[in-house]
Amino acid sequence: MSEEIEIKEKSSLRKRADEIKEHRCKNLIAVLEEPNMIKNIGTVIRNINALGVEKLYVVDSQGRLPDDWQDMRERRSLIKPSVSAIKWSFVKTFKSTQECIDHLNKNRFTSVVTSPHIKGKTNVILHEGNFTQKRLAVWFGNESRGISELAVENSEACVQIEMFGIIESLNLGTSSGIVLYEIAKQRRKYQNENKRGRKNDPKIKVK
């Protein structure tokens, strides 16, 4: 009987995956740069899966994650905080920030970084920006050090969540959820309204 229930559960999950496939945000990648905690990686995996973000890239010079995504899917340390979303989310690792940048540039992605503070030349408040570029990578920095200068130098803009309190930062799980929700919402709307083709990539709005 338990085997029959398991088969039905798998069939139900596969059906759900097929139903939501067309609503996923194509060519939208979240990038975590040198995260300290496996738990936080799992939380972001949960966020990207729930919000329909296509992929997660992790810059992991410490080797905290296995290189192979299939191995990640069996890691209990990722299964629990991601609420099993790791089984349904594509994750790729890189040994350095430069390696990840090179990969994104080769595939013609526009990169934006996130930070509570002004970084680089172009800064934009999250809800004021236009994030419907054809290929977009959204970078989130280390929990304590923030985003690196190398990532900033190779990005088009720095995105900020508008803050109104004494504390001017949010934890990685919360900030990634807020940022990716707004960006995914914009991109889904754009995809639905422009199914016949894409116009030229818009410029990211300057603050």
N, C-alpha and C. Protein backbone atom coordinates (compact mmCIF):
# COMPACT_ATOMS: atom_id res chain seq x y z
N MET A 1 0.82 -1.21 0.00
CA MET A 1 0.00 0.00 0.00
C MET A 1 0.86 1.26 0.00
N SER A 2 1.95 1.24 0.78
CA SER A 2 2.83 2.40 0.86
C SER A 2 3.48 2.69 -0.49
N GLU A 3 3.82 1.62 -1.23
CA GLU A 3 4.42 1.79 -2.56
C GLU A 3 3.43 2.46 -3.51
N GLU A 4 2.16 2.07 -3.38
CA GLU A 4 1.12 2.65 -4.23
C GLU A 4 0.94 4.14 -3.93
N ILE A 5 1.00 4.52 -2.65
CA ILE A 5 0.88 5.92 -2.25
C ILE A 5 2.05 6.72 -2.79
N GLU A 6 3.27 6.13 -2.70
CA GLU A 6 4.47 6.80 -3.19
C GLU A 6 4.38 7.06 -4.68
N ILE A 7 3.88 6.10 -5.44
CA ILE A 7 3.72 6.26 -6.88
C ILE A 7 2.73 7.39 -7.19
N LYS A 8 1.63 7.45 -6.43
CA LYS A 8 0.63 8.50 -6.62
C LYS A 8 1.21 9.87 -6.30
N GLU A 9 2.03 9.95 -5.24
CA GLU A 9 2.65 11.22 -4.85
C GLU A 9 3.60 11.70 -5.94
N LYS A 10 4.39 10.79 -6.48
CA LYS A 10 5.32 11.15 -7.55
C LYS A 10 4.57 11.61 -8.79
N SER A 11 3.47 10.93 -9.10
CA SER A 11 2.66 11.28 -10.26
C SER A 11 2.05 12.68 -10.07
N SER A 12 1.62 12.97 -8.84
CA SER A 12 1.04 14.27 -8.53
C SER A 12 2.06 15.39 -8.65
N LEU A 13 3.29 15.14 -8.17
CA LEU A 13 4.35 16.13 -8.26
C LEU A 13 4.76 16.38 -9.70
N ARG A 14 4.82 15.32 -10.49
CA ARG A 14 5.17 15.47 -11.90
C ARG A 14 4.10 16.27 -12.63
N LYS A 15 2.84 16.02 -12.31
CA LYS A 15 1.74 16.76 -12.91
C LYS A 15 1.85 18.24 -12.56
N ARG A 16 2.16 18.53 -11.29
CA ARG A 16 2.32 19.91 -10.85
C ARG A 16 3.48 20.59 -11.58
N ALA A 17 4.58 19.86 -11.73
CA ALA A 17 5.75 20.40 -12.42
C ALA A 17 5.42 20.75 -13.87
N ASP A 18 4.63 19.92 -14.52
CA ASP A 18 4.23 20.19 -15.91
C ASP A 18 3.31 21.40 -16.00
N GLU A 19 2.43 21.56 -15.01
CA GLU A 19 1.48 22.67 -15.01
C GLU A 19 2.15 24.02 -14.86
N ILE A 20 3.21 24.08 -14.04
CA ILE A 20 3.85 25.37 -13.76
C ILE A 20 5.00 25.68 -14.70
N LYS A 21 5.35 24.74 -15.56
CA LYS A 21 6.51 24.90 -16.43
C LYS A 21 6.47 26.18 -17.25
N GLU A 22 5.32 26.48 -17.83
CA GLU A 22 5.21 27.65 -18.71
C GLU A 22 5.27 28.97 -17.93
N HIS A 23 5.12 28.90 -16.62
CA HIS A 23 5.15 30.12 -15.80
C HIS A 23 6.53 30.41 -15.21
N ARG A 24 7.48 29.54 -15.45
CA ARG A 24 8.83 29.78 -14.95
C ARG A 24 9.47 30.94 -15.70
N CYS A 25 10.35 31.65 -15.01
CA CYS A 25 11.03 32.81 -15.62
C CYS A 25 12.26 32.33 -16.37
N LYS A 26 12.15 32.30 -17.67
CA LYS A 26 13.25 31.82 -18.50
C LYS A 26 14.44 32.79 -18.43
N ASN A 27 15.62 32.21 -18.43
CA ASN A 27 16.86 33.00 -18.44
C ASN A 27 16.97 33.98 -17.27
N LEU A 28 16.44 33.57 -16.12
CA LEU A 28 16.63 34.32 -14.87
C LEU A 28 17.41 33.44 -13.92
N ILE A 29 18.58 33.93 -13.52
CA ILE A 29 19.48 33.16 -12.65
C ILE A 29 19.75 33.96 -11.38
N ALA A 30 19.64 33.32 -10.23
CA ALA A 30 20.07 33.91 -8.97
C ALA A 30 21.48 33.41 -8.69
N VAL A 31 22.35 34.30 -8.23
CA VAL A 31 23.75 33.94 -7.95
C VAL A 31 24.06 34.24 -6.49
N LEU A 32 24.53 33.25 -5.75
CA LEU A 32 25.01 33.45 -4.38
C LEU A 32 26.53 33.48 -4.41
N GLU A 33 27.11 34.56 -3.91
CA GLU A 33 28.57 34.69 -3.91
C GLU A 33 29.14 34.34 -2.54
N GLU A 34 29.79 33.22 -2.45
CA GLU A 34 30.48 32.76 -1.25
C GLU A 34 29.60 32.76 0.01
N PRO A 35 28.44 32.11 -0.03
CA PRO A 35 27.60 32.06 1.17
C PRO A 35 28.29 31.27 2.29
N ASN A 36 28.09 31.72 3.54
CA ASN A 36 28.73 31.06 4.68
C ASN A 36 28.02 29.80 5.12
N MET A 37 26.70 29.82 5.05
CA MET A 37 25.92 28.77 5.69
C MET A 37 25.12 27.94 4.68
N ILE A 38 25.24 26.63 4.82
CA ILE A 38 24.49 25.71 3.97
C ILE A 38 22.99 25.95 4.14
N LYS A 39 22.58 26.25 5.37
CA LYS A 39 21.16 26.49 5.65
C LYS A 39 20.62 27.63 4.79
N ASN A 40 21.42 28.67 4.64
CA ASN A 40 20.98 29.81 3.83
C ASN A 40 20.87 29.45 2.35
N ILE A 41 21.79 28.60 1.88
CA ILE A 41 21.70 28.13 0.50
C ILE A 41 20.39 27.39 0.29
N GLY A 42 20.05 26.53 1.25
CA GLY A 42 18.80 25.78 1.17
C GLY A 42 17.58 26.68 1.14
N THR A 43 17.62 27.74 1.96
CA THR A 43 16.50 28.69 1.99
C THR A 43 16.34 29.40 0.65
N VAL A 44 17.46 29.80 0.04
CA VAL A 44 17.39 30.47 -1.26
C VAL A 44 16.89 29.51 -2.34
N ILE A 45 17.30 28.25 -2.26
CA ILE A 45 16.80 27.24 -3.20
C ILE A 45 15.28 27.14 -3.09
N ARG A 46 14.79 27.18 -1.87
CA ARG A 46 13.32 27.15 -1.66
C ARG A 46 12.68 28.38 -2.32
N ASN A 47 13.31 29.54 -2.14
CA ASN A 47 12.78 30.78 -2.73
C ASN A 47 12.73 30.71 -4.26
N ILE A 48 13.84 30.27 -4.87
CA ILE A 48 13.87 30.29 -6.34
C ILE A 48 12.88 29.30 -6.92
N ASN A 49 12.69 28.18 -6.22
CA ASN A 49 11.73 27.20 -6.71
C ASN A 49 10.31 27.73 -6.60
N ALA A 50 9.99 28.34 -5.46
CA ALA A 50 8.64 28.85 -5.24
C ALA A 50 8.30 30.00 -6.18
N LEU A 51 9.32 30.81 -6.54
CA LEU A 51 9.09 31.99 -7.36
C LEU A 51 9.28 31.75 -8.86
N GLY A 52 9.69 30.54 -9.22
CA GLY A 52 9.82 30.22 -10.64
C GLY A 52 11.09 30.73 -11.29
N VAL A 53 12.14 30.94 -10.49
CA VAL A 53 13.44 31.35 -11.03
C VAL A 53 14.08 30.13 -11.67
N GLU A 54 14.67 30.30 -12.84
CA GLU A 54 15.11 29.13 -13.60
C GLU A 54 16.27 28.37 -12.95
N LYS A 55 17.31 29.11 -12.47
CA LYS A 55 18.50 28.42 -11.96
C LYS A 55 19.11 29.18 -10.79
N LEU A 56 19.91 28.45 -10.02
CA LEU A 56 20.73 29.07 -8.97
C LEU A 56 22.19 28.73 -9.23
N TYR A 57 23.04 29.76 -9.25
CA TYR A 57 24.48 29.57 -9.33
C TYR A 57 25.07 29.91 -7.96
N VAL A 58 26.04 29.14 -7.52
CA VAL A 58 26.69 29.39 -6.24
C VAL A 58 28.20 29.46 -6.42
N VAL A 59 28.78 30.61 -6.07
CA VAL A 59 30.24 30.74 -6.05
C VAL A 59 30.69 30.14 -4.72
N ASP A 60 31.41 29.02 -4.79
CA ASP A 60 31.71 28.22 -3.61
C ASP A 60 33.18 27.81 -3.60
N SER A 61 34.06 28.75 -3.31
CA SER A 61 35.50 28.45 -3.32
C SER A 61 35.90 27.51 -2.19
N GLN A 62 35.07 27.42 -1.15
CA GLN A 62 35.36 26.55 0.00
C GLN A 62 34.97 25.10 -0.25
N GLY A 63 34.26 24.84 -1.32
CA GLY A 63 33.85 23.46 -1.63
C GLY A 63 32.81 22.92 -0.67
N ARG A 64 31.90 23.76 -0.22
CA ARG A 64 30.86 23.31 0.71
C ARG A 64 29.81 22.43 0.01
N LEU A 65 29.67 22.64 -1.29
CA LEU A 65 28.69 21.88 -2.05
C LEU A 65 29.38 20.91 -3.00
N PRO A 66 28.76 19.78 -3.30
CA PRO A 66 29.31 18.88 -4.32
C PRO A 66 29.22 19.54 -5.69
N ASP A 67 30.11 19.17 -6.60
CA ASP A 67 30.11 19.75 -7.94
C ASP A 67 28.89 19.31 -8.75
N ASP A 68 28.44 18.10 -8.50
CA ASP A 68 27.36 17.52 -9.29
C ASP A 68 26.00 17.81 -8.67
N TRP A 69 25.09 18.36 -9.48
CA TRP A 69 23.76 18.68 -8.98
C TRP A 69 23.04 17.43 -8.47
N GLN A 70 23.23 16.31 -9.13
CA GLN A 70 22.55 15.09 -8.69
C GLN A 70 22.97 14.71 -7.27
N ASP A 71 24.24 14.95 -6.92
CA ASP A 71 24.70 14.68 -5.56
C ASP A 71 24.06 15.64 -4.56
N MET A 72 23.86 16.89 -4.98
CA MET A 72 23.21 17.87 -4.10
C MET A 72 21.80 17.42 -3.72
N ARG A 73 21.13 16.80 -4.65
CA ARG A 73 19.73 16.40 -4.44
C ARG A 73 19.57 15.39 -3.32
N GLU A 74 20.69 14.74 -2.94
CA GLU A 74 20.64 13.74 -1.88
C GLU A 74 21.20 14.26 -0.56
N ARG A 75 21.67 15.50 -0.53
CA ARG A 75 22.25 16.07 0.69
C ARG A 75 21.15 16.46 1.69
N ARG A 76 21.18 15.83 2.86
CA ARG A 76 20.17 16.13 3.88
C ARG A 76 20.26 17.59 4.34
N SER A 77 21.49 18.13 4.32
CA SER A 77 21.69 19.52 4.76
C SER A 77 21.03 20.52 3.82
N LEU A 78 20.73 20.09 2.59
CA LEU A 78 20.02 20.94 1.63
C LEU A 78 18.55 20.57 1.53
N ILE A 79 18.24 19.30 1.70
CA ILE A 79 16.86 18.84 1.59
C ILE A 79 15.97 19.50 2.64
N LYS A 80 16.47 19.55 3.90
CA LYS A 80 15.64 20.07 4.99
C LYS A 80 15.34 21.57 4.85
N PRO A 81 16.37 22.45 4.75
CA PRO A 81 16.04 23.89 4.66
C PRO A 81 15.36 24.29 3.35
N SER A 82 15.55 23.50 2.30
CA SER A 82 14.89 23.82 1.03
C SER A 82 13.51 23.19 0.94
N VAL A 83 13.13 22.44 1.99
CA VAL A 83 11.86 21.70 2.00
C VAL A 83 11.75 20.84 0.74
N SER A 84 12.84 20.16 0.42
CA SER A 84 12.96 19.25 -0.73
C SER A 84 12.96 19.96 -2.08
N ALA A 85 12.99 21.30 -2.09
CA ALA A 85 13.02 22.03 -3.37
C ALA A 85 14.29 21.74 -4.16
N ILE A 86 15.36 21.30 -3.48
CA ILE A 86 16.62 20.97 -4.16
C ILE A 86 16.38 19.86 -5.18
N LYS A 87 15.40 19.02 -4.96
CA LYS A 87 15.11 17.92 -5.88
C LYS A 87 14.51 18.43 -7.19
N TRP A 88 14.00 19.68 -7.18
CA TRP A 88 13.30 20.22 -8.34
C TRP A 88 13.95 21.51 -8.85
N SER A 89 15.12 21.85 -8.35
CA SER A 89 15.77 23.12 -8.71
C SER A 89 17.18 22.86 -9.22
N PHE A 90 17.55 23.52 -10.32
CA PHE A 90 18.89 23.33 -10.89
C PHE A 90 19.88 24.25 -10.20
N VAL A 91 20.96 23.68 -9.70
CA VAL A 91 22.00 24.44 -9.01
C VAL A 91 23.36 24.11 -9.63
N LYS A 92 24.12 25.15 -9.95
CA LYS A 92 25.46 24.97 -10.53
C LYS A 92 26.46 25.71 -9.65
N THR A 93 27.62 25.10 -9.41
CA THR A 93 28.64 25.72 -8.57
C THR A 93 29.83 26.21 -9.40
N PHE A 94 30.51 27.23 -8.85
CA PHE A 94 31.72 27.79 -9.46
C PHE A 94 32.78 27.95 -8.38
N LYS A 95 34.03 27.80 -8.76
CA LYS A 95 35.12 27.88 -7.80
C LYS A 95 35.52 29.31 -7.47
N SER A 96 35.12 30.27 -8.30
CA SER A 96 35.49 31.66 -8.05
C SER A 96 34.46 32.59 -8.68
N THR A 97 34.45 33.84 -8.21
CA THR A 97 33.58 34.86 -8.78
C THR A 97 33.91 35.09 -10.25
N GLN A 98 35.20 35.14 -10.56
CA GLN A 98 35.60 35.38 -11.95
C GLN A 98 35.13 34.26 -12.87
N GLU A 99 35.20 33.02 -12.41
CA GLU A 99 34.73 31.90 -13.22
C GLU A 99 33.24 32.04 -13.52
N CYS A 100 32.47 32.45 -12.53
CA CYS A 100 31.04 32.63 -12.72
C CYS A 100 30.76 33.79 -13.67
N ILE A 101 31.49 34.89 -13.50
CA ILE A 101 31.34 36.05 -14.39
C ILE A 101 31.64 35.66 -15.83
N ASP A 102 32.73 34.94 -16.03
CA ASP A 102 33.11 34.51 -17.39
C ASP A 102 32.02 33.66 -18.02
N HIS A 103 31.45 32.77 -17.23
CA HIS A 103 30.39 31.89 -17.74
C HIS A 103 29.16 32.71 -18.14
N LEU A 104 28.78 33.67 -17.29
CA LEU A 104 27.61 34.50 -17.58
C LEU A 104 27.86 35.39 -18.80
N ASN A 105 29.05 35.96 -18.89
CA ASN A 105 29.38 36.82 -20.03
C ASN A 105 29.37 36.02 -21.33
N LYS A 106 29.91 34.82 -21.28
CA LYS A 106 29.95 33.96 -22.46
C LYS A 106 28.53 33.68 -22.97
N ASN A 107 27.59 33.58 -22.03
CA ASN A 107 26.20 33.28 -22.40
C ASN A 107 25.34 34.54 -22.48
N ARG A 108 26.01 35.71 -22.51
CA ARG A 108 25.37 37.01 -22.76
C ARG A 108 24.31 37.39 -21.73
N PHE A 109 24.63 37.15 -20.46
CA PHE A 109 23.74 37.56 -19.39
C PHE A 109 24.10 38.95 -18.89
N THR A 110 23.08 39.74 -18.58
CA THR A 110 23.25 41.00 -17.87
C THR A 110 23.26 40.68 -16.38
N SER A 111 24.21 41.22 -15.63
CA SER A 111 24.27 40.98 -14.20
C SER A 111 23.89 42.23 -13.42
N VAL A 112 23.15 42.04 -12.33
CA VAL A 112 22.92 43.10 -11.36
C VAL A 112 23.28 42.54 -9.99
N VAL A 113 23.82 43.41 -9.13
CA VAL A 113 24.14 42.99 -7.77
C VAL A 113 23.12 43.59 -6.81
N THR A 114 23.02 43.02 -5.62
CA THR A 114 22.12 43.56 -4.61
C THR A 114 22.93 43.98 -3.39
N SER A 115 22.55 45.10 -2.80
CA SER A 115 23.25 45.61 -1.62
C SER A 115 22.39 46.67 -0.94
N PRO A 116 22.42 46.74 0.40
CA PRO A 116 21.68 47.81 1.08
C PRO A 116 22.35 49.17 0.93
N HIS A 117 23.58 49.17 0.41
CA HIS A 117 24.33 50.42 0.25
C HIS A 117 24.63 50.67 -1.22
N ILE A 118 24.85 51.94 -1.57
CA ILE A 118 25.15 52.31 -2.95
C ILE A 118 26.47 51.69 -3.39
N LYS A 119 26.44 51.03 -4.53
CA LYS A 119 27.64 50.38 -5.09
C LYS A 119 27.74 50.73 -6.57
N GLY A 120 28.92 51.08 -7.04
CA GLY A 120 29.12 51.31 -8.46
C GLY A 120 28.46 52.59 -8.94
N LYS A 121 28.28 52.70 -10.25
CA LYS A 121 27.80 53.94 -10.87
C LYS A 121 26.28 54.00 -10.97
N THR A 122 25.64 52.88 -11.17
CA THR A 122 24.19 52.85 -11.37
C THR A 122 23.52 52.16 -10.19
N ASN A 123 22.65 52.88 -9.49
CA ASN A 123 21.94 52.31 -8.35
C ASN A 123 20.45 52.50 -8.57
N VAL A 124 19.68 51.48 -8.23
CA VAL A 124 18.24 51.52 -8.49
C VAL A 124 17.49 50.90 -7.32
N ILE A 125 16.42 51.59 -6.90
CA ILE A 125 15.51 51.04 -5.90
C ILE A 125 14.73 49.91 -6.57
N LEU A 126 14.57 48.81 -5.88
CA LEU A 126 13.98 47.60 -6.46
C LEU A 126 12.69 47.86 -7.24
N HIS A 127 11.71 48.50 -6.62
CA HIS A 127 10.41 48.66 -7.28
C HIS A 127 10.42 49.70 -8.40
N GLU A 128 11.54 50.44 -8.54
CA GLU A 128 11.64 51.44 -9.62
C GLU A 128 12.37 50.91 -10.85
N GLY A 129 12.97 49.76 -10.75
CA GLY A 129 13.77 49.23 -11.84
C GLY A 129 12.99 48.45 -12.87
N ASN A 130 13.58 48.28 -14.05
CA ASN A 130 13.02 47.44 -15.10
C ASN A 130 13.96 46.25 -15.26
N PHE A 131 13.46 45.06 -14.98
CA PHE A 131 14.30 43.86 -14.95
C PHE A 131 13.82 42.81 -15.97
N THR A 132 13.43 43.30 -17.15
CA THR A 132 12.91 42.38 -18.18
C THR A 132 13.93 42.10 -19.28
N GLN A 133 15.21 42.28 -18.99
CA GLN A 133 16.25 41.97 -19.96
C GLN A 133 16.15 40.49 -20.37
N LYS A 134 16.59 40.18 -21.56
CA LYS A 134 16.43 38.81 -22.07
C LYS A 134 17.10 37.77 -21.18
N ARG A 135 18.32 38.07 -20.74
CA ARG A 135 19.06 37.15 -19.87
C ARG A 135 19.56 37.95 -18.67
N LEU A 136 19.12 37.58 -17.47
CA LEU A 136 19.44 38.37 -16.28
C LEU A 136 19.95 37.48 -15.15
N ALA A 137 21.08 37.88 -14.56
CA ALA A 137 21.62 37.22 -13.38
C ALA A 137 21.59 38.19 -12.21
N VAL A 138 21.03 37.77 -11.09
CA VAL A 138 20.88 38.63 -9.91
C VAL A 138 21.79 38.09 -8.81
N TRP A 139 22.76 38.90 -8.42
CA TRP A 139 23.79 38.48 -7.46
C TRP A 139 23.44 38.89 -6.04
N PHE A 140 23.68 37.95 -5.10
CA PHE A 140 23.53 38.21 -3.68
C PHE A 140 24.86 37.90 -2.99
N GLY A 141 25.33 38.83 -2.15
CA GLY A 141 26.65 38.69 -1.56
C GLY A 141 26.70 37.83 -0.31
N ASN A 142 27.90 37.70 0.22
CA ASN A 142 28.16 36.96 1.45
C ASN A 142 27.39 37.58 2.63
N GLU A 143 26.95 36.74 3.56
CA GLU A 143 26.12 37.19 4.67
C GLU A 143 26.76 38.30 5.50
N SER A 144 28.06 38.25 5.69
CA SER A 144 28.73 39.26 6.53
C SER A 144 29.49 40.31 5.72
N ARG A 145 30.13 39.91 4.62
CA ARG A 145 30.94 40.86 3.85
C ARG A 145 30.17 41.55 2.74
N GLY A 146 29.04 41.01 2.36
CA GLY A 146 28.27 41.59 1.26
C GLY A 146 28.84 41.18 -0.09
N ILE A 147 28.50 41.94 -1.10
CA ILE A 147 28.91 41.63 -2.47
C ILE A 147 30.34 42.11 -2.71
N SER A 148 31.09 41.40 -3.54
CA SER A 148 32.49 41.77 -3.79
C SER A 148 32.59 42.90 -4.81
N GLU A 149 33.71 43.60 -4.76
CA GLU A 149 33.96 44.67 -5.74
C GLU A 149 34.05 44.11 -7.15
N LEU A 150 34.58 42.90 -7.28
CA LEU A 150 34.69 42.28 -8.61
C LEU A 150 33.31 42.07 -9.21
N ALA A 151 32.37 41.59 -8.41
CA ALA A 151 31.00 41.40 -8.91
C ALA A 151 30.36 42.73 -9.27
N VAL A 152 30.60 43.76 -8.44
CA VAL A 152 30.04 45.09 -8.69
C VAL A 152 30.58 45.65 -10.01
N GLU A 153 31.90 45.53 -10.20
CA GLU A 153 32.54 46.06 -11.41
C GLU A 153 32.01 45.42 -12.68
N ASN A 154 31.56 44.19 -12.58
CA ASN A 154 31.07 43.47 -13.75
C ASN A 154 29.55 43.42 -13.84
N SER A 155 28.90 44.32 -13.13
CA SER A 155 27.43 44.37 -13.16
C SER A 155 26.95 45.66 -13.81
N GLU A 156 25.70 45.66 -14.24
CA GLU A 156 25.09 46.83 -14.86
C GLU A 156 24.55 47.79 -13.80
N ALA A 157 24.17 47.26 -12.65
CA ALA A 157 23.56 48.12 -11.62
C ALA A 157 23.58 47.43 -10.27
N CYS A 158 23.37 48.24 -9.24
CA CYS A 158 23.20 47.74 -7.88
C CYS A 158 21.76 47.96 -7.48
N VAL A 159 21.09 46.91 -7.06
CA VAL A 159 19.68 46.97 -6.69
C VAL A 159 19.55 47.04 -5.17
N GLN A 160 18.69 47.95 -4.70
CA GLN A 160 18.48 48.12 -3.27
C GLN A 160 17.02 47.96 -2.90
N ILE A 161 16.77 47.32 -1.77
CA ILE A 161 15.43 47.28 -1.20
C ILE A 161 15.28 48.53 -0.35
N GLU A 162 14.22 49.28 -0.58
CA GLU A 162 14.02 50.51 0.18
C GLU A 162 13.78 50.19 1.65
N MET A 163 14.52 50.83 2.54
CA MET A 163 14.46 50.57 3.98
C MET A 163 13.97 51.81 4.73
N PHE A 164 13.26 51.57 5.85
CA PHE A 164 12.74 52.69 6.63
C PHE A 164 12.98 52.51 8.12
N GLY A 165 13.89 51.62 8.50
CA GLY A 165 14.16 51.38 9.91
C GLY A 165 15.58 51.71 10.29
N ILE A 166 15.89 51.53 11.56
CA ILE A 166 17.25 51.74 12.06
C ILE A 166 18.18 50.70 11.46
N ILE A 167 17.70 49.45 11.40
CA ILE A 167 18.48 48.36 10.81
C ILE A 167 18.33 48.44 9.29
N GLU A 168 19.46 48.47 8.59
CA GLU A 168 19.42 48.67 7.14
C GLU A 168 19.84 47.43 6.35
N SER A 169 19.58 46.27 6.91
CA SER A 169 19.89 45.05 6.16
C SER A 169 18.92 43.95 6.55
N LEU A 170 18.78 42.99 5.65
CA LEU A 170 17.93 41.82 5.87
C LEU A 170 18.77 40.57 5.70
N ASN A 171 18.31 39.45 6.29
CA ASN A 171 19.07 38.22 6.11
C ASN A 171 18.94 37.73 4.67
N LEU A 172 19.80 36.81 4.29
CA LEU A 172 19.89 36.36 2.89
C LEU A 172 18.59 35.76 2.39
N GLY A 173 17.94 34.95 3.22
CA GLY A 173 16.70 34.33 2.80
C GLY A 173 15.61 35.35 2.53
N THR A 174 15.50 36.35 3.42
CA THR A 174 14.46 37.38 3.27
C THR A 174 14.75 38.29 2.08
N SER A 175 15.99 38.78 1.99
CA SER A 175 16.33 39.72 0.91
C SER A 175 16.21 39.06 -0.46
N SER A 176 16.67 37.82 -0.58
CA SER A 176 16.56 37.13 -1.88
C SER A 176 15.11 36.90 -2.24
N GLY A 177 14.27 36.60 -1.25
CA GLY A 177 12.85 36.40 -1.52
C GLY A 177 12.18 37.66 -2.03
N ILE A 178 12.47 38.80 -1.38
CA ILE A 178 11.86 40.07 -1.77
C ILE A 178 12.32 40.48 -3.17
N VAL A 179 13.62 40.45 -3.40
CA VAL A 179 14.18 40.88 -4.69
C VAL A 179 13.69 39.99 -5.83
N LEU A 180 13.77 38.69 -5.63
CA LEU A 180 13.39 37.77 -6.70
C LEU A 180 11.89 37.77 -6.95
N TYR A 181 11.09 38.05 -5.93
CA TYR A 181 9.65 38.14 -6.14
C TYR A 181 9.32 39.28 -7.10
N GLU A 182 9.90 40.45 -6.85
CA GLU A 182 9.62 41.61 -7.71
C GLU A 182 10.12 41.37 -9.14
N ILE A 183 11.33 40.85 -9.26
CA ILE A 183 11.91 40.62 -10.59
C ILE A 183 11.15 39.54 -11.35
N ALA A 184 10.81 38.45 -10.66
CA ALA A 184 10.07 37.37 -11.31
C ALA A 184 8.68 37.84 -11.74
N LYS A 185 8.05 38.66 -10.91
CA LYS A 185 6.72 39.20 -11.25
C LYS A 185 6.79 40.03 -12.52
N GLN A 186 7.80 40.90 -12.63
CA GLN A 186 7.97 41.71 -13.84
C GLN A 186 8.19 40.84 -15.07
N ARG A 187 9.04 39.85 -14.92
CA ARG A 187 9.42 39.03 -16.08
C ARG A 187 8.26 38.15 -16.55
N ARG A 188 7.47 37.63 -15.60
CA ARG A 188 6.31 36.83 -15.98
C ARG A 188 5.29 37.67 -16.74
N LYS A 189 5.08 38.88 -16.25
CA LYS A 189 4.15 39.79 -16.93
C LYS A 189 4.65 40.10 -18.34
N TYR A 190 5.95 40.37 -18.46
CA TYR A 190 6.53 40.68 -19.77
C TYR A 190 6.40 39.47 -20.71
N GLN A 191 6.70 38.28 -20.20
CA GLN A 191 6.59 37.07 -21.01
C GLN A 191 5.17 36.86 -21.52
N ASN A 192 4.19 37.10 -20.66
CA ASN A 192 2.79 36.91 -21.04
C ASN A 192 2.34 37.93 -22.07
N GLU A 193 2.88 39.14 -21.99
CA GLU A 193 2.45 40.22 -22.89
C GLU A 193 3.23 40.23 -24.20
N ASN A 194 4.35 39.51 -24.25
CA ASN A 194 5.21 39.55 -25.45
C ASN A 194 5.56 38.14 -25.92
N LYS A 195 4.57 37.31 -26.04
CA LYS A 195 4.80 35.92 -26.41
C LYS A 195 5.28 35.77 -27.86
N ARG A 196 4.97 36.75 -28.70
CA ARG A 196 5.34 36.63 -30.11
C ARG A 196 6.79 37.04 -30.38
N GLY A 197 7.43 37.65 -29.42
CA GLY A 197 8.81 38.08 -29.65
C GLY A 197 9.25 39.11 -28.66
N ARG A 198 10.53 39.40 -28.65
CA ARG A 198 11.10 40.34 -27.70
C ARG A 198 11.62 41.58 -28.41
N LYS A 199 11.35 42.73 -27.83
CA LYS A 199 11.91 43.97 -28.33
C LYS A 199 13.35 44.07 -27.81
N ASN A 200 14.02 45.16 -28.11
CA ASN A 200 15.37 45.36 -27.60
C ASN A 200 15.38 45.36 -26.08
N ASP A 201 16.45 44.84 -25.49
CA ASP A 201 16.55 44.82 -24.04
C ASP A 201 16.47 46.23 -23.47
N PRO A 202 15.63 46.45 -22.46
CA PRO A 202 15.53 47.78 -21.87
C PRO A 202 16.75 48.07 -21.00
N LYS A 203 17.04 49.35 -20.81
CA LYS A 203 18.09 49.74 -19.90
C LYS A 203 17.57 49.67 -18.48
N ILE A 204 18.45 49.31 -17.55
CA ILE A 204 18.06 49.29 -16.15
C ILE A 204 17.95 50.73 -15.67
N LYS A 205 16.84 51.05 -15.07
CA LYS A 205 16.55 52.43 -14.70
C LYS A 205 17.50 52.94 -13.63
N VAL A 206 18.00 54.15 -13.81
CA VAL A 206 18.93 54.74 -12.86
C VAL A 206 18.16 55.42 -11.74
N LYS A 207 18.68 55.29 -10.53
CA LYS A 207 18.07 55.90 -9.35
C LYS A 207 18.04 57.42 -9.49
